[in-house]
Amino acid sequence: MVGTYIKKQIEASEVINDYALGYEMDLDKEGLEKGQIAPDFTLQNISGENLTLSDLKGKKVILNFWATWCPPCKEEMPHLQKYYEKYAQKDNVEIVGVNLTYTDSNVDNVKKFVESYKLKFPILLMEDEGINEIYQVLTIPSTFMIDSTGRIQKHIVGPLDQDALREHVKELD
């Protein structure tokens, strides 16, 4: 009974809806669909310096949304750091960690987390909701793979390990 229900749900999700037939997506607009330009934003890092996503055009970007209280995020962080140390320069990649600071008790907790995990890639502080809504982040960790032209190629929900990160980056550009 449950198996049949799940099978029907999967089949339904794979069907092309009538409203989608003949629909042409505008890839020159910002959006979350594959090939669309990643919505731009500017946030401060832990040091108080601004980082704007579009300034990273020319590099592949791993855009990771996370929080200090999230167990899967804690599991993923060492893998992000290892990838960053080993492959980021070689693969022309920047990892950008966007901390959902508004869900953490304070910025000091984020700083302690970053220090304890020895994170060297940029950690941005989202002190108010907004960007998470634009990116429709409902579950963390949530990672967007963005190619060097600034276009979203993939959205992954859940933790990634170093090997999975490398494979997803190889698919970019």
N, C-alpha and C. Protein backbone atom coordinates (compact mmCIF):
# COMPACT_ATOMS: atom_id res chain seq x y z
N MET A 1 0.83 -1.20 0.00
CA MET A 1 0.00 0.00 0.00
C MET A 1 0.87 1.26 0.00
N VAL A 2 1.81 1.34 0.96
CA VAL A 2 2.70 2.50 1.02
C VAL A 2 3.60 2.54 -0.21
N GLY A 3 4.08 1.37 -0.63
CA GLY A 3 4.94 1.29 -1.81
C GLY A 3 4.23 1.79 -3.05
N THR A 4 2.96 1.44 -3.19
CA THR A 4 2.17 1.89 -4.33
C THR A 4 2.00 3.41 -4.30
N TYR A 5 1.72 3.94 -3.11
CA TYR A 5 1.56 5.39 -2.96
C TYR A 5 2.85 6.11 -3.36
N ILE A 6 3.98 5.63 -2.86
CA ILE A 6 5.28 6.25 -3.17
C ILE A 6 5.55 6.18 -4.66
N LYS A 7 5.28 5.01 -5.26
CA LYS A 7 5.51 4.84 -6.70
C LYS A 7 4.67 5.85 -7.49
N LYS A 8 3.41 6.03 -7.09
CA LYS A 8 2.54 6.99 -7.78
C LYS A 8 3.04 8.42 -7.61
N GLN A 9 3.55 8.74 -6.42
CA GLN A 9 4.09 10.08 -6.18
C GLN A 9 5.31 10.34 -7.05
N ILE A 10 6.17 9.34 -7.17
CA ILE A 10 7.37 9.48 -8.01
C ILE A 10 6.97 9.66 -9.46
N GLU A 11 6.05 8.83 -9.92
CA GLU A 11 5.59 8.94 -11.31
C GLU A 11 4.96 10.31 -11.57
N ALA A 12 4.17 10.78 -10.61
CA ALA A 12 3.52 12.09 -10.77
C ALA A 12 4.55 13.21 -10.83
N SER A 13 5.62 13.09 -10.07
CA SER A 13 6.63 14.15 -10.06
C SER A 13 7.44 14.15 -11.35
N GLU A 14 7.45 13.03 -12.05
CA GLU A 14 8.23 12.93 -13.28
C GLU A 14 7.44 13.34 -14.52
N VAL A 15 6.15 13.48 -14.37
CA VAL A 15 5.29 13.85 -15.50
C VAL A 15 5.47 15.34 -15.80
N ILE A 16 5.53 15.65 -17.07
CA ILE A 16 5.60 17.06 -17.48
C ILE A 16 4.19 17.62 -17.41
N ASN A 17 4.01 18.61 -16.59
CA ASN A 17 2.70 19.23 -16.45
C ASN A 17 2.31 19.96 -17.72
N ASP A 18 0.99 20.02 -17.96
CA ASP A 18 0.49 20.70 -19.15
C ASP A 18 0.96 22.15 -19.22
N TYR A 19 1.00 22.82 -18.06
CA TYR A 19 1.40 24.23 -18.07
C TYR A 19 2.87 24.40 -18.43
N ALA A 20 3.66 23.34 -18.32
CA ALA A 20 5.08 23.44 -18.63
C ALA A 20 5.36 23.20 -20.11
N LEU A 21 4.44 22.55 -20.80
CA LEU A 21 4.65 22.29 -22.21
C LEU A 21 4.72 23.60 -22.97
N GLY A 22 5.69 23.75 -23.80
CA GLY A 22 5.84 24.95 -24.59
C GLY A 22 6.39 26.13 -23.82
N TYR A 23 6.67 25.92 -22.54
CA TYR A 23 7.19 27.00 -21.70
C TYR A 23 8.68 27.17 -21.97
N GLU A 24 9.07 28.37 -22.26
CA GLU A 24 10.48 28.65 -22.51
C GLU A 24 11.04 29.44 -21.35
N MET A 25 12.09 28.93 -20.74
CA MET A 25 12.67 29.59 -19.58
C MET A 25 13.66 30.66 -20.05
N ASP A 26 13.61 31.80 -19.41
CA ASP A 26 14.52 32.88 -19.72
C ASP A 26 15.79 32.70 -18.89
N LEU A 27 16.85 32.24 -19.52
CA LEU A 27 18.10 31.95 -18.82
C LEU A 27 18.91 33.21 -18.52
N ASP A 28 18.48 34.35 -19.04
CA ASP A 28 19.20 35.59 -18.77
C ASP A 28 18.68 36.31 -17.54
N LYS A 29 17.72 35.73 -16.87
CA LYS A 29 17.19 36.31 -15.64
C LYS A 29 17.70 35.51 -14.45
N GLU A 30 17.69 36.18 -13.30
CA GLU A 30 18.05 35.48 -12.08
C GLU A 30 16.96 34.46 -11.75
N GLY A 31 17.39 33.32 -11.23
CA GLY A 31 16.42 32.30 -10.85
C GLY A 31 17.13 31.09 -10.30
N LEU A 32 16.36 30.12 -9.89
CA LEU A 32 16.92 28.92 -9.26
C LEU A 32 16.91 27.70 -10.16
N GLU A 33 16.41 27.86 -11.38
CA GLU A 33 16.40 26.74 -12.31
C GLU A 33 17.79 26.54 -12.91
N LYS A 34 18.07 25.30 -13.31
CA LYS A 34 19.37 25.00 -13.92
C LYS A 34 19.59 25.93 -15.11
N GLY A 35 20.74 26.59 -15.11
CA GLY A 35 21.10 27.48 -16.21
C GLY A 35 20.75 28.93 -15.97
N GLN A 36 19.93 29.21 -14.97
CA GLN A 36 19.59 30.61 -14.68
C GLN A 36 20.69 31.25 -13.84
N ILE A 37 20.78 32.57 -13.93
CA ILE A 37 21.78 33.32 -13.16
C ILE A 37 21.42 33.25 -11.68
N ALA A 38 22.41 32.90 -10.86
CA ALA A 38 22.20 32.80 -9.42
C ALA A 38 21.79 34.17 -8.87
N PRO A 39 20.73 34.23 -8.06
CA PRO A 39 20.34 35.51 -7.46
C PRO A 39 21.51 36.13 -6.70
N ASP A 40 21.75 37.39 -6.97
CA ASP A 40 22.90 38.08 -6.38
C ASP A 40 22.57 38.59 -4.98
N PHE A 41 23.57 38.68 -4.16
CA PHE A 41 23.41 39.23 -2.81
C PHE A 41 24.77 39.68 -2.30
N THR A 42 24.74 40.50 -1.27
CA THR A 42 25.94 40.95 -0.58
C THR A 42 25.72 40.72 0.91
N LEU A 43 26.69 40.07 1.55
CA LEU A 43 26.66 39.86 3.00
C LEU A 43 28.04 40.15 3.56
N GLN A 44 28.08 40.38 4.86
CA GLN A 44 29.37 40.56 5.53
C GLN A 44 29.91 39.23 5.99
N ASN A 45 31.26 39.13 5.93
CA ASN A 45 31.90 37.95 6.49
C ASN A 45 32.15 38.19 7.98
N ILE A 46 32.77 37.23 8.62
CA ILE A 46 33.01 37.31 10.07
C ILE A 46 33.87 38.52 10.43
N SER A 47 34.73 38.94 9.51
CA SER A 47 35.60 40.10 9.77
C SER A 47 34.91 41.43 9.48
N GLY A 48 33.66 41.38 9.01
CA GLY A 48 32.93 42.62 8.74
C GLY A 48 33.10 43.14 7.32
N GLU A 49 33.78 42.38 6.45
CA GLU A 49 33.97 42.79 5.06
C GLU A 49 32.83 42.26 4.21
N ASN A 50 32.42 43.05 3.22
CA ASN A 50 31.34 42.64 2.33
C ASN A 50 31.86 41.67 1.26
N LEU A 51 31.01 40.72 0.92
CA LEU A 51 31.27 39.83 -0.21
C LEU A 51 29.99 39.79 -1.03
N THR A 52 30.13 40.04 -2.33
CA THR A 52 29.00 40.00 -3.26
C THR A 52 29.18 38.79 -4.16
N LEU A 53 28.13 37.97 -4.25
CA LEU A 53 28.22 36.73 -5.01
C LEU A 53 28.68 36.97 -6.45
N SER A 54 28.12 37.96 -7.12
CA SER A 54 28.46 38.20 -8.53
C SER A 54 29.92 38.59 -8.73
N ASP A 55 30.59 39.05 -7.69
CA ASP A 55 32.02 39.37 -7.79
C ASP A 55 32.87 38.12 -8.01
N LEU A 56 32.29 36.97 -7.77
CA LEU A 56 33.02 35.71 -7.93
C LEU A 56 32.89 35.13 -9.33
N LYS A 57 32.20 35.85 -10.23
CA LYS A 57 32.06 35.38 -11.60
C LYS A 57 33.45 35.14 -12.18
N GLY A 58 33.60 34.05 -12.88
CA GLY A 58 34.91 33.63 -13.38
C GLY A 58 35.44 32.45 -12.58
N LYS A 59 34.86 32.23 -11.41
CA LYS A 59 35.18 31.06 -10.58
C LYS A 59 33.91 30.23 -10.44
N LYS A 60 34.10 28.94 -10.23
CA LYS A 60 32.98 28.09 -9.86
C LYS A 60 32.72 28.36 -8.38
N VAL A 61 31.46 28.28 -7.98
CA VAL A 61 31.12 28.58 -6.59
C VAL A 61 30.31 27.44 -5.99
N ILE A 62 30.73 27.03 -4.81
CA ILE A 62 29.95 26.12 -3.98
C ILE A 62 29.31 27.01 -2.93
N LEU A 63 28.01 27.25 -3.05
CA LEU A 63 27.28 28.12 -2.14
C LEU A 63 26.55 27.24 -1.14
N ASN A 64 26.99 27.28 0.11
CA ASN A 64 26.51 26.36 1.14
C ASN A 64 25.80 27.13 2.25
N PHE A 65 24.53 26.79 2.49
CA PHE A 65 23.76 27.37 3.58
C PHE A 65 23.80 26.42 4.76
N TRP A 66 24.10 26.95 5.97
CA TRP A 66 24.30 26.09 7.14
C TRP A 66 24.05 26.86 8.44
N ALA A 67 24.06 26.13 9.56
CA ALA A 67 23.95 26.74 10.89
C ALA A 67 24.78 25.92 11.88
N THR A 68 25.21 26.55 12.97
CA THR A 68 26.08 25.87 13.95
C THR A 68 25.35 24.77 14.70
N TRP A 69 24.05 24.85 14.84
CA TRP A 69 23.26 23.89 15.61
C TRP A 69 22.84 22.67 14.79
N CYS A 70 23.15 22.65 13.53
CA CYS A 70 22.69 21.62 12.58
C CYS A 70 23.66 20.44 12.54
N PRO A 71 23.28 19.24 13.05
CA PRO A 71 24.19 18.09 13.05
C PRO A 71 24.73 17.72 11.66
N PRO A 72 23.90 17.66 10.59
CA PRO A 72 24.47 17.35 9.27
C PRO A 72 25.46 18.41 8.79
N CYS A 73 25.24 19.67 9.19
CA CYS A 73 26.17 20.74 8.82
C CYS A 73 27.52 20.50 9.50
N LYS A 74 27.47 20.12 10.76
CA LYS A 74 28.71 19.81 11.50
C LYS A 74 29.45 18.66 10.85
N GLU A 75 28.71 17.69 10.35
CA GLU A 75 29.30 16.53 9.67
C GLU A 75 29.96 16.95 8.35
N GLU A 76 29.36 17.89 7.68
CA GLU A 76 29.81 18.31 6.35
C GLU A 76 31.02 19.24 6.39
N MET A 77 31.12 20.09 7.40
CA MET A 77 32.15 21.14 7.44
C MET A 77 33.59 20.64 7.24
N PRO A 78 34.01 19.57 7.90
CA PRO A 78 35.38 19.10 7.66
C PRO A 78 35.62 18.71 6.20
N HIS A 79 34.59 18.19 5.54
CA HIS A 79 34.72 17.81 4.13
C HIS A 79 34.86 19.05 3.24
N LEU A 80 34.07 20.08 3.55
CA LEU A 80 34.20 21.34 2.80
C LEU A 80 35.61 21.91 2.95
N GLN A 81 36.12 21.91 4.18
CA GLN A 81 37.46 22.45 4.43
C GLN A 81 38.54 21.62 3.73
N LYS A 82 38.43 20.30 3.80
CA LYS A 82 39.42 19.43 3.13
C LYS A 82 39.40 19.66 1.62
N TYR A 83 38.19 19.75 1.04
CA TYR A 83 38.09 20.03 -0.38
C TYR A 83 38.74 21.37 -0.69
N TYR A 84 38.44 22.37 0.11
CA TYR A 84 38.97 23.72 -0.10
C TYR A 84 40.49 23.71 -0.10
N GLU A 85 41.08 23.03 0.85
CA GLU A 85 42.54 22.96 0.96
C GLU A 85 43.16 22.20 -0.20
N LYS A 86 42.54 21.11 -0.59
CA LYS A 86 43.14 20.21 -1.57
C LYS A 86 42.84 20.59 -3.03
N TYR A 87 41.61 21.05 -3.31
CA TYR A 87 41.22 21.20 -4.71
C TYR A 87 40.75 22.59 -5.14
N ALA A 88 40.41 23.45 -4.24
CA ALA A 88 39.76 24.72 -4.63
C ALA A 88 40.58 25.51 -5.64
N GLN A 89 41.85 25.65 -5.39
CA GLN A 89 42.69 26.42 -6.32
C GLN A 89 42.81 25.69 -7.66
N LYS A 90 43.07 24.41 -7.60
CA LYS A 90 43.22 23.60 -8.82
C LYS A 90 41.95 23.59 -9.66
N ASP A 91 40.79 23.54 -9.00
CA ASP A 91 39.51 23.47 -9.69
C ASP A 91 38.89 24.85 -9.96
N ASN A 92 39.58 25.94 -9.58
CA ASN A 92 39.08 27.30 -9.75
C ASN A 92 37.71 27.47 -9.06
N VAL A 93 37.68 27.08 -7.78
CA VAL A 93 36.44 27.09 -7.01
C VAL A 93 36.57 27.98 -5.78
N GLU A 94 35.47 28.66 -5.46
CA GLU A 94 35.37 29.35 -4.19
C GLU A 94 34.20 28.73 -3.44
N ILE A 95 34.44 28.36 -2.20
CA ILE A 95 33.36 27.91 -1.33
C ILE A 95 32.90 29.12 -0.55
N VAL A 96 31.59 29.32 -0.52
CA VAL A 96 31.00 30.41 0.25
C VAL A 96 30.00 29.78 1.21
N GLY A 97 30.31 29.86 2.50
CA GLY A 97 29.41 29.33 3.51
C GLY A 97 28.53 30.46 4.03
N VAL A 98 27.23 30.31 3.86
CA VAL A 98 26.29 31.32 4.36
C VAL A 98 25.66 30.77 5.64
N ASN A 99 26.07 31.35 6.76
CA ASN A 99 25.53 30.94 8.05
C ASN A 99 24.18 31.60 8.28
N LEU A 100 23.20 30.81 8.66
CA LEU A 100 21.88 31.34 8.98
C LEU A 100 21.94 31.92 10.39
N THR A 101 22.67 33.02 10.51
CA THR A 101 22.99 33.63 11.80
C THR A 101 21.74 34.00 12.59
N TYR A 102 20.67 34.36 11.90
CA TYR A 102 19.44 34.73 12.59
C TYR A 102 18.86 33.54 13.38
N THR A 103 19.29 32.30 13.07
CA THR A 103 18.81 31.12 13.81
C THR A 103 19.79 30.72 14.91
N ASP A 104 21.00 31.26 14.87
CA ASP A 104 22.00 30.98 15.90
C ASP A 104 21.83 31.99 17.02
N SER A 105 22.30 31.64 18.20
CA SER A 105 22.07 32.53 19.34
C SER A 105 22.85 33.84 19.22
N ASN A 106 24.05 33.80 18.62
CA ASN A 106 24.80 35.05 18.40
C ASN A 106 25.99 34.82 17.47
N VAL A 107 26.58 35.90 17.02
CA VAL A 107 27.71 35.84 16.09
C VAL A 107 28.92 35.18 16.74
N ASP A 108 29.10 35.35 18.04
CA ASP A 108 30.24 34.73 18.72
C ASP A 108 30.21 33.21 18.59
N ASN A 109 29.01 32.61 18.62
CA ASN A 109 28.90 31.15 18.42
C ASN A 109 29.41 30.76 17.03
N VAL A 110 29.09 31.58 16.04
CA VAL A 110 29.54 31.30 14.68
C VAL A 110 31.06 31.40 14.61
N LYS A 111 31.62 32.44 15.22
CA LYS A 111 33.08 32.61 15.22
C LYS A 111 33.77 31.43 15.90
N LYS A 112 33.23 30.99 17.03
CA LYS A 112 33.81 29.84 17.74
C LYS A 112 33.74 28.58 16.89
N PHE A 113 32.62 28.40 16.20
CA PHE A 113 32.44 27.24 15.32
C PHE A 113 33.49 27.26 14.21
N VAL A 114 33.64 28.41 13.56
CA VAL A 114 34.61 28.56 12.46
C VAL A 114 36.03 28.28 12.96
N GLU A 115 36.37 28.79 14.13
CA GLU A 115 37.70 28.55 14.70
C GLU A 115 37.89 27.08 15.05
N SER A 116 36.89 26.45 15.65
CA SER A 116 37.03 25.06 16.07
C SER A 116 37.18 24.11 14.88
N TYR A 117 36.55 24.45 13.75
CA TYR A 117 36.66 23.62 12.55
C TYR A 117 37.79 24.10 11.63
N LYS A 118 38.48 25.17 12.04
CA LYS A 118 39.59 25.73 11.26
C LYS A 118 39.19 26.01 9.81
N LEU A 119 38.03 26.64 9.64
CA LEU A 119 37.51 26.94 8.30
C LEU A 119 38.24 28.13 7.70
N LYS A 120 38.73 27.98 6.49
CA LYS A 120 39.48 29.03 5.81
C LYS A 120 38.71 29.67 4.65
N PHE A 121 37.63 29.06 4.24
CA PHE A 121 36.84 29.64 3.14
C PHE A 121 35.91 30.70 3.72
N PRO A 122 35.41 31.61 2.88
CA PRO A 122 34.57 32.70 3.37
C PRO A 122 33.29 32.21 4.05
N ILE A 123 33.05 32.73 5.24
CA ILE A 123 31.82 32.46 5.97
C ILE A 123 31.07 33.79 6.08
N LEU A 124 29.88 33.81 5.49
CA LEU A 124 29.06 35.02 5.49
C LEU A 124 27.96 34.90 6.54
N LEU A 125 27.61 36.03 7.11
CA LEU A 125 26.62 36.07 8.18
C LEU A 125 25.29 36.61 7.66
N MET A 126 24.28 35.77 7.69
CA MET A 126 22.94 36.19 7.30
C MET A 126 22.17 36.45 8.60
N GLU A 127 22.23 37.69 9.06
CA GLU A 127 21.66 38.04 10.36
C GLU A 127 20.15 38.27 10.30
N ASP A 128 19.61 38.41 9.10
CA ASP A 128 18.17 38.55 8.91
C ASP A 128 17.74 37.60 7.80
N GLU A 129 16.51 37.11 7.91
CA GLU A 129 16.00 36.26 6.85
C GLU A 129 15.92 37.05 5.56
N GLY A 130 15.96 36.37 4.46
CA GLY A 130 15.81 37.02 3.17
C GLY A 130 16.45 36.20 2.07
N ILE A 131 17.75 36.06 2.14
CA ILE A 131 18.46 35.33 1.09
C ILE A 131 18.04 33.86 1.10
N ASN A 132 17.83 33.31 2.29
CA ASN A 132 17.36 31.93 2.38
C ASN A 132 16.00 31.78 1.69
N GLU A 133 15.16 32.81 1.76
CA GLU A 133 13.86 32.77 1.10
C GLU A 133 14.02 32.89 -0.42
N ILE A 134 14.90 33.76 -0.86
CA ILE A 134 15.16 33.91 -2.29
C ILE A 134 15.65 32.59 -2.88
N TYR A 135 16.53 31.91 -2.14
CA TYR A 135 17.08 30.63 -2.60
C TYR A 135 16.20 29.44 -2.22
N GLN A 136 15.07 29.71 -1.58
CA GLN A 136 14.12 28.68 -1.18
C GLN A 136 14.79 27.57 -0.36
N VAL A 137 15.62 27.99 0.59
CA VAL A 137 16.31 27.04 1.47
C VAL A 137 15.35 26.65 2.58
N LEU A 138 14.89 25.42 2.55
CA LEU A 138 13.97 24.91 3.55
C LEU A 138 14.67 23.95 4.50
N THR A 139 15.73 23.31 4.02
CA THR A 139 16.48 22.33 4.79
C THR A 139 17.96 22.67 4.67
N ILE A 140 18.69 22.50 5.78
CA ILE A 140 20.14 22.71 5.74
C ILE A 140 20.84 21.44 6.18
N PRO A 141 22.06 21.21 5.71
CA PRO A 141 22.75 22.05 4.74
C PRO A 141 22.10 21.97 3.36
N SER A 142 22.22 23.05 2.66
CA SER A 142 21.69 23.16 1.31
C SER A 142 22.77 23.83 0.47
N THR A 143 23.14 23.18 -0.63
CA THR A 143 24.28 23.63 -1.42
C THR A 143 23.88 23.86 -2.87
N PHE A 144 24.30 25.00 -3.40
CA PHE A 144 24.09 25.32 -4.81
C PHE A 144 25.43 25.28 -5.51
N MET A 145 25.49 24.58 -6.63
CA MET A 145 26.68 24.52 -7.46
C MET A 145 26.48 25.53 -8.59
N ILE A 146 27.37 26.52 -8.63
CA ILE A 146 27.26 27.62 -9.59
C ILE A 146 28.48 27.60 -10.50
N ASP A 147 28.24 27.66 -11.81
CA ASP A 147 29.36 27.60 -12.75
C ASP A 147 30.08 28.94 -12.83
N SER A 148 31.15 28.98 -13.60
CA SER A 148 32.00 30.18 -13.64
C SER A 148 31.33 31.36 -14.34
N THR A 149 30.20 31.14 -14.99
CA THR A 149 29.46 32.25 -15.59
C THR A 149 28.38 32.78 -14.64
N GLY A 150 28.30 32.20 -13.44
CA GLY A 150 27.35 32.66 -12.44
C GLY A 150 25.98 32.00 -12.54
N ARG A 151 25.91 30.87 -13.24
CA ARG A 151 24.63 30.19 -13.43
C ARG A 151 24.52 28.96 -12.53
N ILE A 152 23.35 28.79 -11.95
CA ILE A 152 23.10 27.63 -11.10
C ILE A 152 23.05 26.37 -11.96
N GLN A 153 23.77 25.37 -11.54
CA GLN A 153 23.77 24.09 -12.25
C GLN A 153 23.14 22.96 -11.44
N LYS A 154 23.15 23.11 -10.11
CA LYS A 154 22.63 22.04 -9.28
C LYS A 154 22.32 22.56 -7.88
N HIS A 155 21.31 21.96 -7.25
CA HIS A 155 20.98 22.25 -5.85
C HIS A 155 20.96 20.91 -5.12
N ILE A 156 21.76 20.80 -4.08
CA ILE A 156 21.87 19.56 -3.31
C ILE A 156 21.43 19.84 -1.88
N VAL A 157 20.51 19.04 -1.38
CA VAL A 157 20.05 19.15 0.00
C VAL A 157 20.67 18.01 0.79
N GLY A 158 21.30 18.34 1.91
CA GLY A 158 21.95 17.34 2.75
C GLY A 158 23.45 17.47 2.67
N PRO A 159 24.15 16.78 3.58
CA PRO A 159 25.61 16.92 3.63
C PRO A 159 26.32 16.25 2.47
N LEU A 160 27.45 16.83 2.10
CA LEU A 160 28.30 16.29 1.04
C LEU A 160 29.66 15.96 1.63
N ASP A 161 30.30 14.92 1.09
CA ASP A 161 31.67 14.65 1.50
C ASP A 161 32.62 15.17 0.42
N GLN A 162 33.90 15.07 0.69
CA GLN A 162 34.92 15.63 -0.20
C GLN A 162 34.82 15.04 -1.61
N ASP A 163 34.60 13.74 -1.72
CA ASP A 163 34.52 13.10 -3.04
C ASP A 163 33.29 13.57 -3.82
N ALA A 164 32.16 13.68 -3.12
CA ALA A 164 30.94 14.15 -3.78
C ALA A 164 31.12 15.59 -4.26
N LEU A 165 31.75 16.43 -3.44
CA LEU A 165 32.02 17.80 -3.84
C LEU A 165 32.84 17.83 -5.11
N ARG A 166 33.88 17.03 -5.16
CA ARG A 166 34.76 17.00 -6.34
C ARG A 166 34.00 16.58 -7.58
N GLU A 167 33.15 15.56 -7.44
CA GLU A 167 32.38 15.08 -8.59
C GLU A 167 31.41 16.16 -9.09
N HIS A 168 30.74 16.83 -8.19
CA HIS A 168 29.81 17.88 -8.59
C HIS A 168 30.55 19.05 -9.25
N VAL A 169 31.71 19.39 -8.75
CA VAL A 169 32.48 20.49 -9.35
C VAL A 169 32.96 20.11 -10.75
N LYS A 170 33.34 18.85 -10.95
CA LYS A 170 33.80 18.40 -12.26
C LYS A 170 32.69 18.55 -13.31
N GLU A 171 31.44 18.50 -12.87
CA GLU A 171 30.30 18.62 -13.80
C GLU A 171 30.05 20.08 -14.21
N LEU A 172 30.66 21.02 -13.50
CA LEU A 172 30.48 22.43 -13.84
C LEU A 172 31.35 22.81 -15.02
N ASP A 173 30.87 23.73 -15.84
CA ASP A 173 31.61 24.23 -17.02
C ASP A 173 32.04 23.10 -17.89
